[in-house]
PDB file of all heavy atoms in Angstrom:
ATOM      1  N   GLU A   1      63.313-164.874 111.267  1.00  0.00           N
ATOM      2  CA  GLU A   1      63.028-163.683 112.032  1.00  0.00           C
ATOM      3  C   GLU A   1      61.704-163.671 112.694  1.00  0.00           C
ATOM      4  O   GLU A   1      61.480-162.844 113.629  1.00  0.00           O
ATOM      5  CB  GLU A   1      63.083-162.481 111.073  1.00  0.00           C
ATOM      6  CG  GLU A   1      64.493-162.158 110.507  1.00  0.00           C
ATOM      7  CD  GLU A   1      64.459-160.940 109.663  1.00  0.00           C
ATOM      8  OE1 GLU A   1      63.507-160.185 109.713  1.00  0.00           O
ATOM      9  OE2 GLU A   1      65.430-160.736 108.890  1.00  0.00           O
ATOM     10  N   VAL A   2      60.802-164.525 112.279  1.00  0.00           N
ATOM     11  CA  VAL A   2      59.448-164.487 112.852  1.00  0.00           C
ATOM     12  C   VAL A   2      59.041-165.873 113.299  1.00  0.00           C
ATOM     13  O   VAL A   2      59.087-166.855 112.582  1.00  0.00           O
ATOM     14  CB  VAL A   2      58.429-164.010 111.752  1.00  0.00           C
ATOM     15  CG1 VAL A   2      56.994-163.994 112.321  1.00  0.00           C
ATOM     16  CG2 VAL A   2      58.789-162.741 111.133  1.00  0.00           C
ATOM     17  N   GLU A   3      58.711-165.967 114.585  1.00  0.00           N
ATOM     18  CA  GLU A   3      58.231-167.200 115.204  1.00  0.00           C
ATOM     19  C   GLU A   3      56.786-167.435 114.867  1.00  0.00           C
ATOM     20  O   GLU A   3      55.987-166.510 114.887  1.00  0.00           O
ATOM     21  CB  GLU A   3      58.427-167.099 116.715  1.00  0.00           C
ATOM     22  CG  GLU A   3      57.852-168.280 117.474  1.00  0.00           C
ATOM     23  CD  GLU A   3      57.869-168.011 118.956  1.00  0.00           C
ATOM     24  OE1 GLU A   3      58.690-167.184 119.459  1.00  0.00           O
ATOM     25  OE2 GLU A   3      57.056-168.568 119.657  1.00  0.00           O
ATOM     26  N   ARG A   4      56.411-168.633 114.485  1.00  0.00           N
ATOM     27  CA  ARG A   4      55.048-168.973 114.142  1.00  0.00           C
ATOM     28  C   ARG A   4      54.252-169.153 115.481  1.00  0.00           C
ATOM     29  O   ARG A   4      54.749-169.821 116.411  1.00  0.00           O
ATOM     30  CB  ARG A   4      54.938-170.253 113.345  1.00  0.00           C
ATOM     31  CG  ARG A   4      55.434-170.061 111.935  1.00  0.00           C
ATOM     32  CD  ARG A   4      55.352-171.258 111.134  1.00  0.00           C
ATOM     33  NE  ARG A   4      55.098-172.493 111.916  1.00  0.00           N
ATOM     34  CZ  ARG A   4      54.701-173.622 111.356  1.00  0.00           C
ATOM     35  NH1 ARG A   4      54.550-173.749 110.087  1.00  0.00           N
ATOM     36  NH2 ARG A   4      54.455-174.678 112.105  1.00  0.00           N
ATOM     37  N   ARG A   5      53.003-168.599 115.459  1.00  0.00           N
ATOM     38  CA  ARG A   5      52.106-168.741 116.637  1.00  0.00           C
ATOM     39  C   ARG A   5      50.716-169.089 116.065  1.00  0.00           C
ATOM     40  O   ARG A   5      50.397-168.814 114.985  1.00  0.00           O
ATOM     41  CB  ARG A   5      52.004-167.465 117.360  1.00  0.00           C
ATOM     42  CG  ARG A   5      53.342-167.046 117.994  1.00  0.00           C
ATOM     43  CD  ARG A   5      53.153-165.846 118.835  1.00  0.00           C
ATOM     44  NE  ARG A   5      54.426-165.499 119.505  1.00  0.00           N
ATOM     45  CZ  ARG A   5      54.676-164.371 120.176  1.00  0.00           C
ATOM     46  NH1 ARG A   5      53.688-163.457 120.240  1.00  0.00           N
ATOM     47  NH2 ARG A   5      55.779-164.187 120.701  1.00  0.00           N
ATOM     48  N   PRO A   6      49.871-169.650 116.956  1.00  0.00           N
ATOM     49  CA  PRO A   6      48.488-169.959 116.558  1.00  0.00           C
ATOM     50  C   PRO A   6      47.781-168.638 116.055  1.00  0.00           C
ATOM     51  O   PRO A   6      47.994-167.588 116.627  1.00  0.00           O
ATOM     52  CB  PRO A   6      47.821-170.478 117.805  1.00  0.00           C
ATOM     53  CG  PRO A   6      48.941-171.006 118.617  1.00  0.00           C
ATOM     54  CD  PRO A   6      50.090-170.090 118.329  1.00  0.00           C
ATOM     55  N   LEU A   7      46.966-168.776 115.046  1.00  0.00           N
ATOM     56  CA  LEU A   7      46.228-167.626 114.489  1.00  0.00           C
ATOM     57  C   LEU A   7      45.232-167.067 115.511  1.00  0.00           C
ATOM     58  O   LEU A   7      45.139-165.883 115.731  1.00  0.00           O
ATOM     59  CB  LEU A   7      45.465-168.034 113.235  1.00  0.00           C
ATOM     60  CG  LEU A   7      44.666-166.965 112.544  1.00  0.00           C
ATOM     61  CD1 LEU A   7      45.523-165.773 112.158  1.00  0.00           C
ATOM     62  CD2 LEU A   7      43.899-167.534 111.355  1.00  0.00           C
ATOM     63  N   LEU A   8      44.492-167.931 116.090  1.00  0.00           N
ATOM     64  CA  LEU A   8      43.443-167.528 117.104  1.00  0.00           C
ATOM     65  C   LEU A   8      43.883-167.963 118.527  1.00  0.00           C
ATOM     66  O   LEU A   8      44.109-169.103 118.779  1.00  0.00           O
ATOM     67  CB  LEU A   8      42.104-168.151 116.771  1.00  0.00           C
ATOM     68  CG  LEU A   8      41.533-167.809 115.370  1.00  0.00           C
ATOM     69  CD1 LEU A   8      40.251-168.611 115.105  1.00  0.00           C
ATOM     70  CD2 LEU A   8      41.272-166.279 115.290  1.00  0.00           C
ATOM     71  N   ASP A   9      44.030-166.994 119.362  1.00  0.00           N
ATOM     72  CA  ASP A   9      44.444-167.197 120.754  1.00  0.00           C
ATOM     73  C   ASP A   9      43.210-167.431 121.612  1.00  0.00           C
ATOM     74  O   ASP A   9      42.881-166.631 122.450  1.00  0.00           O
ATOM     75  CB  ASP A   9      45.262-166.069 121.310  1.00  0.00           C
ATOM     76  CG  ASP A   9      45.878-166.380 122.619  1.00  0.00           C
ATOM     77  OD1 ASP A   9      46.057-167.506 122.973  1.00  0.00           O
ATOM     78  OD2 ASP A   9      46.155-165.381 123.355  1.00  0.00           O
ATOM     79  N   LEU A  10      42.551-168.550 121.320  1.00  0.00           N
ATOM     80  CA  LEU A  10      41.294-168.909 122.082  1.00  0.00           C
ATOM     81  C   LEU A  10      41.490-170.251 122.699  1.00  0.00           C
ATOM     82  O   LEU A  10      42.189-171.152 122.149  1.00  0.00           O
ATOM     83  CB  LEU A  10      40.148-168.940 121.107  1.00  0.00           C
ATOM     84  CG  LEU A  10      39.746-167.594 120.466  1.00  0.00           C
ATOM     85  CD1 LEU A  10      38.669-167.805 119.437  1.00  0.00           C
ATOM     86  CD2 LEU A  10      39.296-166.580 121.478  1.00  0.00           C
ATOM     87  N   SER A  11      40.848-170.495 123.810  1.00  0.00           N
ATOM     88  CA  SER A  11      40.949-171.787 124.501  1.00  0.00           C
ATOM     89  C   SER A  11      39.801-172.703 124.179  1.00  0.00           C
ATOM     90  O   SER A  11      39.668-173.843 124.742  1.00  0.00           O
ATOM     91  CB  SER A  11      41.056-171.525 126.030  1.00  0.00           C
ATOM     92  OG  SER A  11      39.869-170.878 126.493  1.00  0.00           O
ATOM     93  N   SER A  12      38.925-172.342 123.278  1.00  0.00           N
ATOM     94  CA  SER A  12      37.752-173.169 122.928  1.00  0.00           C
ATOM     95  C   SER A  12      38.225-174.498 122.375  1.00  0.00           C
ATOM     96  O   SER A  12      39.206-174.580 121.645  1.00  0.00           O
ATOM     97  CB  SER A  12      36.935-172.495 121.773  1.00  0.00           C
ATOM     98  OG  SER A  12      36.565-171.191 122.234  1.00  0.00           O
ATOM     99  N   GLY A  13      37.517-175.575 122.749  1.00  0.00           N
ATOM    100  CA  GLY A  13      37.884-176.907 122.302  1.00  0.00           C
ATOM    101  C   GLY A  13      38.036-177.119 120.879  1.00  0.00           C
ATOM    102  O   GLY A  13      38.976-177.730 120.347  1.00  0.00           O
ATOM    103  N   TYR A  14      37.061-176.557 120.117  1.00  0.00           N
ATOM    104  CA  TYR A  14      37.111-176.763 118.663  1.00  0.00           C
ATOM    105  C   TYR A  14      38.303-176.010 118.010  1.00  0.00           C
ATOM    106  O   TYR A  14      38.868-176.452 117.002  1.00  0.00           O
ATOM    107  CB  TYR A  14      35.754-176.363 117.995  1.00  0.00           C
ATOM    108  CG  TYR A  14      35.461-174.839 118.049  1.00  0.00           C
ATOM    109  CD1 TYR A  14      35.681-174.073 116.925  1.00  0.00           C
ATOM    110  CD2 TYR A  14      34.905-174.309 119.208  1.00  0.00           C
ATOM    111  CE1 TYR A  14      35.419-172.718 116.962  1.00  0.00           C
ATOM    112  CE2 TYR A  14      34.574-172.950 119.198  1.00  0.00           C
ATOM    113  CZ  TYR A  14      34.824-172.155 118.077  1.00  0.00           C
ATOM    114  OH  TYR A  14      34.546-170.827 118.124  1.00  0.00           O
ATOM    115  N   ILE A  15      38.708-174.901 118.574  1.00  0.00           N
ATOM    116  CA  ILE A  15      39.867-174.183 118.080  1.00  0.00           C
ATOM    117  C   ILE A  15      41.138-174.972 118.425  1.00  0.00           C
ATOM    118  O   ILE A  15      42.040-175.129 117.581  1.00  0.00           O
ATOM    119  CB  ILE A  15      39.961-172.756 118.681  1.00  0.00           C
ATOM    120  CG1 ILE A  15      38.753-171.922 118.230  1.00  0.00           C
ATOM    121  CG2 ILE A  15      41.294-172.093 118.312  1.00  0.00           C
ATOM    122  CD1 ILE A  15      38.751-171.552 116.805  1.00  0.00           C
ATOM    123  N   GLN A  16      41.240-175.434 119.636  1.00  0.00           N
ATOM    124  CA  GLN A  16      42.395-176.212 120.060  1.00  0.00           C
ATOM    125  C   GLN A  16      42.585-177.471 119.256  1.00  0.00           C
ATOM    126  O   GLN A  16      43.695-177.862 118.869  1.00  0.00           O
ATOM    127  CB  GLN A  16      42.348-176.558 121.560  1.00  0.00           C
ATOM    128  CG  GLN A  16      42.365-175.327 122.495  1.00  0.00           C
ATOM    129  CD  GLN A  16      43.605-174.539 122.290  1.00  0.00           C
ATOM    130  OE1 GLN A  16      44.748-175.069 122.322  1.00  0.00           O
ATOM    131  NE2 GLN A  16      43.504-173.238 122.100  1.00  0.00           N
ATOM    132  N   ARG A  17      41.469-178.199 118.965  1.00  0.00           N
ATOM    133  CA  ARG A  17      41.556-179.449 118.205  1.00  0.00           C
ATOM    134  C   ARG A  17      41.997-179.171 116.771  1.00  0.00           C
ATOM    135  O   ARG A  17      42.629-180.063 116.117  1.00  0.00           O
ATOM    136  CB  ARG A  17      40.227-180.148 118.224  1.00  0.00           C
ATOM    137  CG  ARG A  17      39.905-180.746 119.585  1.00  0.00           C
ATOM    138  CD  ARG A  17      38.646-181.672 119.456  1.00  0.00           C
ATOM    139  NE  ARG A  17      37.405-180.928 119.205  1.00  0.00           N
ATOM    140  CZ  ARG A  17      36.697-180.274 120.072  1.00  0.00           C
ATOM    141  NH1 ARG A  17      37.059-180.298 121.384  1.00  0.00           N
ATOM    142  NH2 ARG A  17      35.581-179.665 119.745  1.00  0.00           N
ATOM    143  N   ALA A  18      41.719-178.006 116.194  1.00  0.00           N
ATOM    144  CA  ALA A  18      42.090-177.711 114.785  1.00  0.00           C
ATOM    145  C   ALA A  18      43.323-176.890 114.687  1.00  0.00           C
ATOM    146  O   ALA A  18      43.728-176.496 113.595  1.00  0.00           O
ATOM    147  CB  ALA A  18      40.895-176.979 114.147  1.00  0.00           C
ATOM    148  N   ALA A  19      43.970-176.530 115.774  1.00  0.00           N
ATOM    149  CA  ALA A  19      45.151-175.675 115.750  1.00  0.00           C
ATOM    150  C   ALA A  19      46.232-176.102 114.799  1.00  0.00           C
ATOM    151  O   ALA A  19      46.864-175.260 114.129  1.00  0.00           O
ATOM    152  CB  ALA A  19      45.675-175.493 117.180  1.00  0.00           C
ATOM    153  N   ASP A  20      46.497-177.380 114.680  1.00  0.00           N
ATOM    154  CA  ASP A  20      47.536-177.830 113.777  1.00  0.00           C
ATOM    155  C   ASP A  20      47.165-177.674 112.355  1.00  0.00           C
ATOM    156  O   ASP A  20      48.014-177.729 111.450  1.00  0.00           O
ATOM    157  CB  ASP A  20      47.931-179.270 114.108  1.00  0.00           C
ATOM    158  CG  ASP A  20      46.849-180.226 113.871  1.00  0.00           C
ATOM    159  OD1 ASP A  20      45.678-179.881 114.105  1.00  0.00           O
ATOM    160  OD2 ASP A  20      47.100-181.368 113.511  1.00  0.00           O
ATOM    161  N   ARG A  21      45.923-177.508 112.013  1.00  0.00           N
ATOM    162  CA  ARG A  21      45.414-177.337 110.663  1.00  0.00           C
ATOM    163  C   ARG A  21      45.091-175.927 110.302  1.00  0.00           C
ATOM    164  O   ARG A  21      44.757-175.646 109.125  1.00  0.00           O
ATOM    165  CB  ARG A  21      44.201-178.260 110.450  1.00  0.00           C
ATOM    166  CG  ARG A  21      44.525-179.762 110.522  1.00  0.00           C
ATOM    167  CD  ARG A  21      43.345-180.586 110.274  1.00  0.00           C
ATOM    168  NE  ARG A  21      42.281-180.420 111.327  1.00  0.00           N
ATOM    169  CZ  ARG A  21      42.256-181.078 112.484  1.00  0.00           C
ATOM    170  NH1 ARG A  21      43.240-181.875 112.834  1.00  0.00           N
ATOM    171  NH2 ARG A  21      41.266-180.888 113.305  1.00  0.00           N
ATOM    172  N   MET A  22      45.192-175.034 111.202  1.00  0.00           N
ATOM    173  CA  MET A  22      44.863-173.627 110.974  1.00  0.00           C
ATOM    174  C   MET A  22      46.133-172.899 110.509  1.00  0.00           C
ATOM    175  O   MET A  22      47.266-173.223 110.869  1.00  0.00           O
ATOM    176  CB  MET A  22      44.381-172.958 112.280  1.00  0.00           C
ATOM    177  CG  MET A  22      43.123-173.543 112.804  1.00  0.00           C
ATOM    178  SD  MET A  22      41.706-172.951 111.976  1.00  0.00           S
ATOM    179  CE  MET A  22      41.610-171.278 112.530  1.00  0.00           C
ATOM    180  N   PRO A  23      45.963-171.807 109.691  1.00  0.00           N
ATOM    181  CA  PRO A  23      47.105-170.965 109.353  1.00  0.00           C
ATOM    182  C   PRO A  23      47.681-170.342 110.649  1.00  0.00           C
ATOM    183  O   PRO A  23      47.021-170.296 111.674  1.00  0.00           O
ATOM    184  CB  PRO A  23      46.464-169.851 108.478  1.00  0.00           C
ATOM    185  CG  PRO A  23      45.172-170.415 108.019  1.00  0.00           C
ATOM    186  CD  PRO A  23      44.726-171.343 109.080  1.00  0.00           C
ATOM    187  N   LYS A  24      48.907-169.945 110.560  1.00  0.00           N
ATOM    188  CA  LYS A  24      49.644-169.370 111.713  1.00  0.00           C
ATOM    189  C   LYS A  24      49.793-167.882 111.533  1.00  0.00           C
ATOM    190  O   LYS A  24      49.831-167.345 110.409  1.00  0.00           O
ATOM    191  CB  LYS A  24      50.990-170.044 111.855  1.00  0.00           C
ATOM    192  CG  LYS A  24      50.993-171.506 111.892  1.00  0.00           C
ATOM    193  CD  LYS A  24      50.253-172.060 113.157  1.00  0.00           C
ATOM    194  CE  LYS A  24      50.331-173.517 113.226  1.00  0.00           C
ATOM    195  NZ  LYS A  24      49.030-174.181 113.247  1.00  0.00           N
ATOM    196  N   GLN A  25      49.985-167.200 112.631  1.00  0.00           N
ATOM    197  CA  GLN A  25      50.356-165.794 112.589  1.00  0.00           C
ATOM    198  C   GLN A  25      51.824-165.733 113.071  1.00  0.00           C
ATOM    199  O   GLN A  25      52.359-166.747 113.584  1.00  0.00           O
ATOM    200  CB  GLN A  25      49.453-164.940 113.434  1.00  0.00           C
ATOM    201  CG  GLN A  25      49.536-165.160 114.893  1.00  0.00           C
ATOM    202  CD  GLN A  25      48.733-164.140 115.660  1.00  0.00           C
ATOM    203  OE1 GLN A  25      48.674-162.986 115.329  1.00  0.00           O
ATOM    204  NE2 GLN A  25      48.040-164.616 116.700  1.00  0.00           N
ATOM    205  N   GLY A  26      52.438-164.606 112.971  1.00  0.00           N
ATOM    206  CA  GLY A  26      53.827-164.410 113.391  1.00  0.00           C
ATOM    207  C   GLY A  26      53.887-163.765 114.754  1.00  0.00           C
ATOM    208  O   GLY A  26      52.895-163.387 115.339  1.00  0.00           O
ATOM    209  N   SER A  27      55.124-163.670 115.234  1.00  0.00           N
ATOM    210  CA  SER A  27      55.350-163.116 116.553  1.00  0.00           C
ATOM    211  C   SER A  27      55.517-161.585 116.493  1.00  0.00           C
ATOM    212  O   SER A  27      55.604-160.957 117.546  1.00  0.00           O
ATOM    213  CB  SER A  27      56.621-163.731 117.132  1.00  0.00           C
ATOM    214  OG  SER A  27      57.746-163.605 116.274  1.00  0.00           O
ATOM    215  N   LYS A  28      55.570-161.008 115.281  1.00  0.00           N
ATOM    216  CA  LYS A  28      55.689-159.538 115.205  1.00  0.00           C
ATOM    217  C   LYS A  28      55.030-159.081 113.928  1.00  0.00           C
ATOM    218  O   LYS A  28      54.757-159.851 113.032  1.00  0.00           O
ATOM    219  CB  LYS A  28      57.151-159.100 115.268  1.00  0.00           C
ATOM    220  CG  LYS A  28      58.048-159.693 114.199  1.00  0.00           C
ATOM    221  CD  LYS A  28      59.467-159.263 114.397  1.00  0.00           C
ATOM    222  CE  LYS A  28      60.395-159.795 113.320  1.00  0.00           C
ATOM    223  NZ  LYS A  28      61.745-159.385 113.506  1.00  0.00           N
ATOM    224  N   THR A  29      54.732-157.769 113.909  1.00  0.00           N
ATOM    225  CA  THR A  29      54.072-157.195 112.737  1.00  0.00           C
ATOM    226  C   THR A  29      54.987-157.313 111.495  1.00  0.00           C
ATOM    227  O   THR A  29      56.180-157.323 111.649  1.00  0.00           O
ATOM    228  CB  THR A  29      53.687-155.750 112.953  1.00  0.00           C
ATOM    229  OG1 THR A  29      54.898-155.003 113.265  1.00  0.00           O
ATOM    230  CG2 THR A  29      52.697-155.576 114.113  1.00  0.00           C
ATOM    231  N   PRO A  30      54.438-157.428 110.346  1.00  0.00           N
ATOM    232  CA  PRO A  30      53.011-157.397 109.982  1.00  0.00           C
ATOM    233  C   PRO A  30      52.312-158.747 110.085  1.00  0.00           C
ATOM    234  O   PRO A  30      51.183-158.917 109.679  1.00  0.00           O
ATOM    235  CB  PRO A  30      53.025-156.888 108.540  1.00  0.00           C
ATOM    236  CG  PRO A  30      54.293-157.558 107.995  1.00  0.00           C
ATOM    237  CD  PRO A  30      55.281-157.462 109.128  1.00  0.00           C
ATOM    238  N   TRP A  31      53.014-159.743 110.590  1.00  0.00           N
ATOM    239  CA  TRP A  31      52.450-161.079 110.674  1.00  0.00           C
ATOM    240  C   TRP A  31      51.651-161.335 111.946  1.00  0.00           C
ATOM    241  O   TRP A  31      51.065-162.361 112.114  1.00  0.00           O
ATOM    242  CB  TRP A  31      53.575-162.124 110.528  1.00  0.00           C
ATOM    243  CG  TRP A  31      54.372-161.879 109.255  1.00  0.00           C
ATOM    244  CD1 TRP A  31      55.570-161.301 109.155  1.00  0.00           C
ATOM    245  CD2 TRP A  31      53.936-162.231 107.958  1.00  0.00           C
ATOM    246  NE1 TRP A  31      55.937-161.250 107.870  1.00  0.00           N
ATOM    247  CE2 TRP A  31      54.951-161.779 107.104  1.00  0.00           C
ATOM    248  CE3 TRP A  31      52.816-162.775 107.402  1.00  0.00           C
ATOM    249  CZ2 TRP A  31      54.902-161.957 105.713  1.00  0.00           C
ATOM    250  CZ3 TRP A  31      52.718-162.939 106.036  1.00  0.00           C
ATOM    251  CH2 TRP A  31      53.765-162.478 105.201  1.00  0.00           C
ATOM    252  N   TYR A  32      51.684-160.420 112.889  1.00  0.00           N
ATOM    253  CA  TYR A  32      51.001-160.588 114.119  1.00  0.00           C
ATOM    254  C   TYR A  32      49.734-159.830 114.114  1.00  0.00           C
ATOM    255  O   TYR A  32      49.662-158.609 113.761  1.00  0.00           O
ATOM    256  CB  TYR A  32      51.914-160.061 115.286  1.00  0.00           C
ATOM    257  CG  TYR A  32      51.248-160.062 116.615  1.00  0.00           C
ATOM    258  CD1 TYR A  32      51.005-161.284 117.270  1.00  0.00           C
ATOM    259  CD2 TYR A  32      50.876-158.884 117.240  1.00  0.00           C
ATOM    260  CE1 TYR A  32      50.416-161.259 118.549  1.00  0.00           C
ATOM    261  CE2 TYR A  32      50.249-158.895 118.518  1.00  0.00           C
ATOM    262  CZ  TYR A  32      50.054-160.104 119.103  1.00  0.00           C
ATOM    263  OH  TYR A  32      49.439-160.138 120.364  1.00  0.00           O
ATOM    264  N   LEU A  33      48.609-160.499 114.422  1.00  0.00           N
ATOM    265  CA  LEU A  33      47.296-159.821 114.472  1.00  0.00           C
ATOM    266  C   LEU A  33      46.965-159.352 115.864  1.00  0.00           C
ATOM    267  O   LEU A  33      46.657-160.141 116.772  1.00  0.00           O
ATOM    268  CB  LEU A  33      46.190-160.791 114.025  1.00  0.00           C
ATOM    269  CG  LEU A  33      46.364-161.312 112.579  1.00  0.00           C
ATOM    270  CD1 LEU A  33      45.299-162.358 112.273  1.00  0.00           C
ATOM    271  CD2 LEU A  33      46.259-160.196 111.586  1.00  0.00           C
ATOM    272  N   ARG A  34      47.030-158.069 116.129  1.00  0.00           N
ATOM    273  CA  ARG A  34      46.694-157.515 117.380  1.00  0.00           C
ATOM    274  C   ARG A  34      45.204-157.619 117.569  1.00  0.00           C
ATOM    275  O   ARG A  34      44.423-157.658 116.670  1.00  0.00           O
ATOM    276  CB  ARG A  34      47.122-156.081 117.475  1.00  0.00           C
ATOM    277  CG  ARG A  34      48.555-155.779 117.491  1.00  0.00           C
ATOM    278  CD  ARG A  34      48.776-154.351 117.655  1.00  0.00           C
ATOM    279  NE  ARG A  34      48.284-153.610 116.515  1.00  0.00           N
ATOM    280  CZ  ARG A  34      48.909-152.579 115.949  1.00  0.00           C
ATOM    281  NH1 ARG A  34      50.026-152.178 116.407  1.00  0.00           N
ATOM    282  NH2 ARG A  34      48.334-151.972 114.921  1.00  0.00           N
ATOM    283  N   GLN A  35      44.813-157.687 118.814  1.00  0.00           N
ATOM    284  CA  GLN A  35      43.349-157.684 119.104  1.00  0.00           C
ATOM    285  C   GLN A  35      43.008-156.356 119.779  1.00  0.00           C
ATOM    286  O   GLN A  35      42.407-156.266 120.833  1.00  0.00           O
ATOM    287  CB  GLN A  35      43.041-158.848 120.075  1.00  0.00           C
ATOM    288  CG  GLN A  35      43.209-160.187 119.441  1.00  0.00           C
ATOM    289  CD  GLN A  35      42.279-160.475 118.252  1.00  0.00           C
ATOM    290  OE1 GLN A  35      41.126-160.062 118.283  1.00  0.00           O
ATOM    291  NE2 GLN A  35      42.786-161.065 117.234  1.00  0.00           N
ATOM    292  N   ASN A  36      43.369-155.267 119.084  1.00  0.00           N
ATOM    293  CA  ASN A  36      43.228-153.927 119.609  1.00  0.00           C
ATOM    294  C   ASN A  36      42.764-152.998 118.450  1.00  0.00           C
ATOM    295  O   ASN A  36      43.620-152.489 117.664  1.00  0.00           O
ATOM    296  CB  ASN A  36      44.446-153.436 120.273  1.00  0.00           C
ATOM    297  CG  ASN A  36      44.268-152.111 121.026  1.00  0.00           C
ATOM    298  OD1 ASN A  36      43.589-151.232 120.550  1.00  0.00           O
ATOM    299  ND2 ASN A  36      44.850-152.061 122.186  1.00  0.00           N
ATOM    300  N   TYR A  37      41.530-152.714 118.375  1.00  0.00           N
ATOM    301  CA  TYR A  37      40.948-151.916 117.291  1.00  0.00           C
ATOM    302  C   TYR A  37      41.567-150.511 117.308  1.00  0.00           C
ATOM    303  O   TYR A  37      41.945-149.998 116.197  1.00  0.00           O
ATOM    304  CB  TYR A  37      39.458-151.818 117.409  1.00  0.00           C
ATOM    305  CG  TYR A  37      38.821-150.804 116.474  1.00  0.00           C
ATOM    306  CD1 TYR A  37      38.711-151.126 115.119  1.00  0.00           C
ATOM    307  CD2 TYR A  37      38.350-149.609 116.904  1.00  0.00           C
ATOM    308  CE1 TYR A  37      38.137-150.297 114.226  1.00  0.00           C
ATOM    309  CE2 TYR A  37      37.794-148.702 115.997  1.00  0.00           C
ATOM    310  CZ  TYR A  37      37.682-149.060 114.690  1.00  0.00           C
ATOM    311  OH  TYR A  37      37.119-148.151 113.804  1.00  0.00           O
TER     312      TYR A  37
END
């Protein structure tokens, strides 16, 4: 039911290089981390 996505949606090189080793977030709540306070 939930597609895995990168945890941090950043284009920084160090984030991109570690993306395969980082935890994932989901495509919908509660597994999706909005960036809207």
